[in-house]
Amino acid sequence: KLMLDSITSSALLNLHDRFDPPQCNENTWVGLLSALKSWIEDQSPMLERLQCIMGSAGMGKSALVQTTTDNIFFLASDPIQNSLQRFIPTIAYQIALSNKSNPALGNCIFRAVDQDPSVFQCSIECQLEELIIKPLQLFSLPSFLYLICIDGLDKCVDQKSQSQLLSII
C-alpha cells in the first residue's frame, strides 16, 4: 500500500487508462531498431550501458522507445508525471513486478520499503540505491535482462531535476 501511494500510477505500463502509446510503423526505423536490439543484448559493463536518443519534437523518439521496450515517461501536463518525486519508486515498482517466475527481486524491493517506510522521503540518490541498485545487486539473474527507458525527460518542468536525474544515472 505504501509503495502504491508513492508511485506515478498513470505512468505504469499496461495501465488501462493510458493513451495508446506511439509505435513505429512497420518497416520503419528497421536499422535503428536492430542497432538498439543489439545494444540491449550486449553484455558490456554497466558503465558503458547508457544510450541517449535525441531529436526535435515529432521525430519519433517516443515511438522508437515504445517499440523497443516498456518505458516510464514524463508528461508536462500532469503535475504528478512532470517531476522526479515519484520517479524512482515507479521504476522500482515496475521492476518488482517484472519477473513473475522469480519474485525474489520484487520481494527484496518490497522488503526494503517495509524495513524503511521513510525511503520515499529521502533523496533521489538514496531511493535509487535502496529501491533499485541494492536489490538488483542481490538478485540480478544472468538470464533476465532489465532495460529501463525514460521518455520525455524534457517534459520534467524543473530543469534542476532533469540535471539531477542525468547525474545519478
C-alpha atoms as a PDB file:
ATOM      1  CA  LYS A   1       0.000   0.000   0.000  1.00  0.00           C
ATOM      2  CA  LEU A   2       2.774   2.423   0.962  1.00  0.00           C
ATOM      3  CA  MET A   3       4.599   1.805  -2.311  1.00  0.00           C
ATOM      4  CA  LEU A   4       1.414   2.234  -4.352  1.00  0.00           C
ATOM      5  CA  ASP A   5       0.888   5.613  -2.692  1.00  0.00           C
ATOM      6  CA  SER A   6       4.398   6.657  -3.753  1.00  0.00           C
ATOM      7  CA  ILE A   7       4.339   5.788  -7.449  1.00  0.00           C
ATOM      8  CA  THR A   8       3.012   7.534 -10.537  1.00  0.00           C
ATOM      9  CA  SER A   9       0.333   5.044 -11.470  1.00  0.00           C
ATOM     10  CA  SER A  10      -0.556   6.943 -14.645  1.00  0.00           C
ATOM     11  CA  ALA A  11       2.942   6.145 -15.974  1.00  0.00           C
ATOM     12  CA  LEU A  12       2.705   2.401 -15.423  1.00  0.00           C
ATOM     13  CA  LEU A  13       2.985   0.095 -18.365  1.00  0.00           C
ATOM     14  CA  ASN A  14      -0.261  -1.602 -19.402  1.00  0.00           C
ATOM     15  CA  LEU A  15      -2.426   0.834 -17.470  1.00  0.00           C
ATOM     16  CA  HIS A  16      -5.945   0.535 -18.870  1.00  0.00           C
ATOM     17  CA  ASP A  17      -6.478   4.324 -18.798  1.00  0.00           C
ATOM     18  CA  ARG A  18      -3.223   5.089 -20.591  1.00  0.00           C
ATOM     19  CA  PHE A  19      -3.412   6.557 -24.067  1.00  0.00           C
ATOM     20  CA  ASP A  20      -2.369   4.351 -26.959  1.00  0.00           C
ATOM     21  CA  PRO A  21       1.401   4.678 -26.913  1.00  0.00           C
ATOM     22  CA  PRO A  22       3.076   5.574 -30.192  1.00  0.00           C
ATOM     23  CA  GLN A  23       4.635   2.726 -32.148  1.00  0.00           C
ATOM     24  CA  CYS A  24       6.914   2.730 -35.164  1.00  0.00           C
ATOM     25  CA  ASN A  25       5.122   1.890 -38.384  1.00  0.00           C
ATOM     26  CA  GLU A  26       6.026  -1.469 -39.863  1.00  0.00           C
ATOM     27  CA  ASN A  27       9.269  -1.412 -41.870  1.00  0.00           C
ATOM     28  CA  THR A  28      10.352   1.973 -40.480  1.00  0.00           C
ATOM     29  CA  TRP A  29      13.426   2.584 -38.343  1.00  0.00           C
ATOM     30  CA  VAL A  30      14.489  -1.007 -39.139  1.00  0.00           C
ATOM     31  CA  GLY A  31      18.222  -0.294 -38.948  1.00  0.00           C
ATOM     32  CA  LEU A  32      17.981   1.756 -35.777  1.00  0.00           C
ATOM     33  CA  LEU A  33      15.668  -0.768 -34.081  1.00  0.00           C
ATOM     34  CA  SER A  34      18.132  -3.524 -34.984  1.00  0.00           C
ATOM     35  CA  ALA A  35      21.037  -1.494 -33.571  1.00  0.00           C
ATOM     36  CA  LEU A  36      19.088  -0.845 -30.360  1.00  0.00           C
ATOM     37  CA  LYS A  37      18.269  -4.546 -30.030  1.00  0.00           C
ATOM     38  CA  SER A  38      21.975  -5.393 -30.386  1.00  0.00           C
ATOM     39  CA  TRP A  39      22.874  -2.724 -27.829  1.00  0.00           C
ATOM     40  CA  ILE A  40      20.262  -4.083 -25.384  1.00  0.00           C
ATOM     41  CA  GLU A  41      21.596  -7.627 -25.716  1.00  0.00           C
ATOM     42  CA  ASP A  42      25.237  -6.517 -25.390  1.00  0.00           C
ATOM     43  CA  GLN A  43      26.971  -7.758 -22.236  1.00  0.00           C
ATOM     44  CA  SER A  44      29.289  -4.748 -21.749  1.00  0.00           C
ATOM     45  CA  PRO A  45      29.961  -3.492 -18.225  1.00  0.00           C
ATOM     46  CA  MET A  46      27.190  -1.332 -16.758  1.00  0.00           C
ATOM     47  CA  LEU A  47      29.193   1.894 -17.004  1.00  0.00           C
ATOM     48  CA  GLU A  48      29.069   1.566 -20.777  1.00  0.00           C
ATOM     49  CA  ARG A  49      25.332   0.882 -20.860  1.00  0.00           C
ATOM     50  CA  LEU A  50      23.768   4.322 -21.305  1.00  0.00           C
ATOM     51  CA  GLN A  51      22.082   5.224 -24.584  1.00  0.00           C
ATOM     52  CA  CYS A  52      20.703   8.665 -25.339  1.00  0.00           C
ATOM     53  CA  ILE A  53      18.270   9.254 -28.204  1.00  0.00           C
ATOM     54  CA  MET A  54      17.847  12.922 -29.043  1.00  0.00           C
ATOM     55  CA  GLY A  55      15.920  14.795 -31.690  1.00  0.00           C
ATOM     56  CA  SER A  56      13.391  17.536 -32.195  1.00  0.00           C
ATOM     57  CA  ALA A  57       9.707  17.152 -31.358  1.00  0.00           C
ATOM     58  CA  GLY A  58       7.828  14.852 -33.701  1.00  0.00           C
ATOM     59  CA  MET A  59      10.883  12.926 -34.901  1.00  0.00           C
ATOM     60  CA  GLY A  60       9.589   9.638 -33.469  1.00  0.00           C
ATOM     61  CA  LYS A  61      11.702   9.256 -30.327  1.00  0.00           C
ATOM     62  CA  SER A  62       8.735   8.136 -28.209  1.00  0.00           C
ATOM     63  CA  ALA A  63       7.591   5.695 -30.884  1.00  0.00           C
ATOM     64  CA  LEU A  64      11.111   4.312 -31.122  1.00  0.00           C
ATOM     65  CA  VAL A  65      11.374   3.854 -27.365  1.00  0.00           C
ATOM     66  CA  GLN A  66       7.888   2.357 -27.084  1.00  0.00           C
ATOM     67  CA  THR A  67       8.521  -0.026 -29.950  1.00  0.00           C
ATOM     68  CA  THR A  68      11.793  -1.101 -28.369  1.00  0.00           C
ATOM     69  CA  THR A  69      10.611  -1.616 -24.816  1.00  0.00           C
ATOM     70  CA  ASP A  70       8.402  -0.667 -21.918  1.00  0.00           C
ATOM     71  CA  ASN A  71       9.015   2.819 -20.598  1.00  0.00           C
ATOM     72  CA  ILE A  72       8.222   5.412 -17.998  1.00  0.00           C
ATOM     73  CA  PHE A  73       7.592   8.875 -19.277  1.00  0.00           C
ATOM     74  CA  PHE A  74       7.193  12.460 -18.149  1.00  0.00           C
ATOM     75  CA  LEU A  75       4.130  14.446 -19.221  1.00  0.00           C
ATOM     76  CA  ALA A  76       4.288  18.224 -18.903  1.00  0.00           C
ATOM     77  CA  SER A  77       0.513  18.436 -18.438  1.00  0.00           C
ATOM     78  CA  ASP A  78       0.434  16.020 -15.481  1.00  0.00           C
ATOM     79  CA  PRO A  79       1.750  17.557 -12.226  1.00  0.00           C
ATOM     80  CA  ILE A  80       2.488  14.075 -10.881  1.00  0.00           C
ATOM     81  CA  GLN A  81       4.341  12.991 -14.025  1.00  0.00           C
ATOM     82  CA  ASN A  82       6.339  16.161 -14.595  1.00  0.00           C
ATOM     83  CA  SER A  83       8.557  15.896 -11.516  1.00  0.00           C
ATOM     84  CA  LEU A  84      11.062  13.443 -10.044  1.00  0.00           C
ATOM     85  CA  GLN A  85       9.179  12.949  -6.770  1.00  0.00           C
ATOM     86  CA  ARG A  86       7.696   9.576  -7.757  1.00  0.00           C
ATOM     87  CA  PHE A  87      10.135   8.593 -10.481  1.00  0.00           C
ATOM     88  CA  ILE A  88      12.388   6.107  -8.646  1.00  0.00           C
ATOM     89  CA  PRO A  89       9.518   4.443  -6.719  1.00  0.00           C
ATOM     90  CA  THR A  90       7.636   3.970 -10.007  1.00  0.00           C
ATOM     91  CA  ILE A  91      10.654   2.363 -11.697  1.00  0.00           C
ATOM     92  CA  ALA A  92      11.263   0.168  -8.624  1.00  0.00           C
ATOM     93  CA  TYR A  93       7.621  -0.925  -8.601  1.00  0.00           C
ATOM     94  CA  GLN A  94       7.751  -1.899 -12.272  1.00  0.00           C
ATOM     95  CA  ILE A  95      10.989  -3.840 -11.679  1.00  0.00           C
ATOM     96  CA  ALA A  96       9.427  -5.571  -8.666  1.00  0.00           C
ATOM     97  CA  LEU A  97       6.581  -6.852 -10.819  1.00  0.00           C
ATOM     98  CA  SER A  98       8.661  -7.627 -13.904  1.00  0.00           C
ATOM     99  CA  ASN A  99       9.784 -11.200 -13.213  1.00  0.00           C
ATOM    100  CA  LYS A 100       6.759 -13.167 -12.107  1.00  0.00           C
ATOM    101  CA  SER A 101       8.535 -16.513 -12.489  1.00  0.00           C
ATOM    102  CA  ASN A 102      11.100 -15.493  -9.856  1.00  0.00           C
ATOM    103  CA  PRO A 103       9.635 -12.974  -7.386  1.00  0.00           C
ATOM    104  CA  ALA A 104      12.798 -12.763  -5.236  1.00  0.00           C
ATOM    105  CA  LEU A 105      13.813  -9.374  -6.641  1.00  0.00           C
ATOM    106  CA  GLY A 106      10.344  -7.920  -6.161  1.00  0.00           C
ATOM    107  CA  ASN A 107      10.193  -9.288  -2.633  1.00  0.00           C
ATOM    108  CA  CYS A 108      13.542  -7.629  -1.898  1.00  0.00           C
ATOM    109  CA  ILE A 109      12.248  -4.265  -3.143  1.00  0.00           C
ATOM    110  CA  PHE A 110       9.032  -4.542  -1.120  1.00  0.00           C
ATOM    111  CA  ARG A 111      11.030  -5.653   1.951  1.00  0.00           C
ATOM    112  CA  ALA A 112      13.208  -2.522   1.634  1.00  0.00           C
ATOM    113  CA  VAL A 113      10.030  -0.425   1.836  1.00  0.00           C
ATOM    114  CA  ASP A 114       8.733  -2.426   4.816  1.00  0.00           C
ATOM    115  CA  GLN A 115      12.047  -2.002   6.652  1.00  0.00           C
ATOM    116  CA  ASP A 116      12.226   1.741   5.985  1.00  0.00           C
ATOM    117  CA  PRO A 117       8.892   3.318   5.021  1.00  0.00           C
ATOM    118  CA  SER A 118      10.570   6.749   5.046  1.00  0.00           C
ATOM    119  CA  VAL A 119      12.632   5.763   1.983  1.00  0.00           C
ATOM    120  CA  PHE A 120      10.173   7.751  -0.151  1.00  0.00           C
ATOM    121  CA  GLN A 121      11.096  10.944   1.696  1.00  0.00           C
ATOM    122  CA  CYS A 122      14.847  10.545   1.244  1.00  0.00           C
ATOM    123  CA  SER A 123      16.846  11.920  -1.674  1.00  0.00           C
ATOM    124  CA  ILE A 124      16.508  10.584  -5.215  1.00  0.00           C
ATOM    125  CA  GLU A 125      20.022   9.150  -4.864  1.00  0.00           C
ATOM    126  CA  CYS A 126      19.047   7.317  -1.667  1.00  0.00           C
ATOM    127  CA  GLN A 127      15.854   5.984  -3.261  1.00  0.00           C
ATOM    128  CA  LEU A 128      17.835   4.738  -6.265  1.00  0.00           C
ATOM    129  CA  GLU A 129      20.328   2.970  -4.005  1.00  0.00           C
ATOM    130  CA  GLU A 130      17.765   1.363  -1.658  1.00  0.00           C
ATOM    131  CA  LEU A 131      14.968   0.534  -4.100  1.00  0.00           C
ATOM    132  CA  ILE A 132      16.852  -0.356  -7.274  1.00  0.00           C
ATOM    133  CA  ILE A 133      20.628  -0.768  -7.012  1.00  0.00           C
ATOM    134  CA  LYS A 134      20.857  -2.891  -3.848  1.00  0.00           C
ATOM    135  CA  PRO A 135      18.019  -5.241  -4.847  1.00  0.00           C
ATOM    136  CA  LEU A 136      19.445  -5.666  -8.364  1.00  0.00           C
ATOM    137  CA  GLN A 137      22.874  -6.437  -6.924  1.00  0.00           C
ATOM    138  CA  LEU A 138      21.380  -9.076  -4.637  1.00  0.00           C
ATOM    139  CA  PHE A 139      19.037 -10.734  -7.096  1.00  0.00           C
ATOM    140  CA  SER A 140      20.106  -9.990 -10.631  1.00  0.00           C
ATOM    141  CA  LEU A 141      19.732 -13.077 -12.773  1.00  0.00           C
ATOM    142  CA  PRO A 142      22.038 -13.556 -15.764  1.00  0.00           C
ATOM    143  CA  SER A 143      19.139 -14.857 -17.831  1.00  0.00           C
ATOM    144  CA  PHE A 144      16.861 -11.917 -17.063  1.00  0.00           C
ATOM    145  CA  LEU A 145      17.555  -8.606 -18.795  1.00  0.00           C
ATOM    146  CA  TYR A 146      16.499  -5.316 -17.209  1.00  0.00           C
ATOM    147  CA  LEU A 147      16.153  -2.340 -19.504  1.00  0.00           C
ATOM    148  CA  ILE A 148      14.908   0.996 -18.221  1.00  0.00           C
ATOM    149  CA  CYS A 149      13.893   3.605 -20.786  1.00  0.00           C
ATOM    150  CA  ILE A 150      12.982   7.140 -19.805  1.00  0.00           C
ATOM    151  CA  ASP A 151      10.929   9.043 -22.339  1.00  0.00           C
ATOM    152  CA  GLY A 152      10.109  12.738 -22.249  1.00  0.00           C
ATOM    153  CA  LEU A 153      12.712  13.900 -19.727  1.00  0.00           C
ATOM    154  CA  ASP A 154      12.447  17.345 -21.314  1.00  0.00           C
ATOM    155  CA  LYS A 155       8.826  17.449 -20.084  1.00  0.00           C
ATOM    156  CA  CYS A 156      10.008  17.367 -16.480  1.00  0.00           C
ATOM    157  CA  VAL A 157       9.267  21.021 -15.701  1.00  0.00           C
ATOM    158  CA  ASP A 158      12.113  21.542 -13.269  1.00  0.00           C
ATOM    159  CA  GLN A 159      15.389  21.737 -15.205  1.00  0.00           C
ATOM    160  CA  LYS A 160      17.323  21.140 -11.981  1.00  0.00           C
ATOM    161  CA  SER A 161      15.501  17.807 -11.652  1.00  0.00           C
ATOM    162  CA  GLN A 162      16.420  16.925 -15.241  1.00  0.00           C
ATOM    163  CA  SER A 163      20.088  17.551 -14.445  1.00  0.00           C
ATOM    164  CA  GLN A 164      19.812  15.662 -11.161  1.00  0.00           C
ATOM    165  CA  LEU A 165      18.344  12.588 -12.859  1.00  0.00           C
ATOM    166  CA  LEU A 166      21.002  12.602 -15.580  1.00  0.00           C
ATOM    167  CA  SER A 167      23.668  12.972 -12.906  1.00  0.00           C
ATOM    168  CA  ILE A 168      22.538   9.953 -10.872  1.00  0.00           C
ATOM    169  CA  ILE A 169      22.157   7.809 -13.967  1.00  0.00           C
END
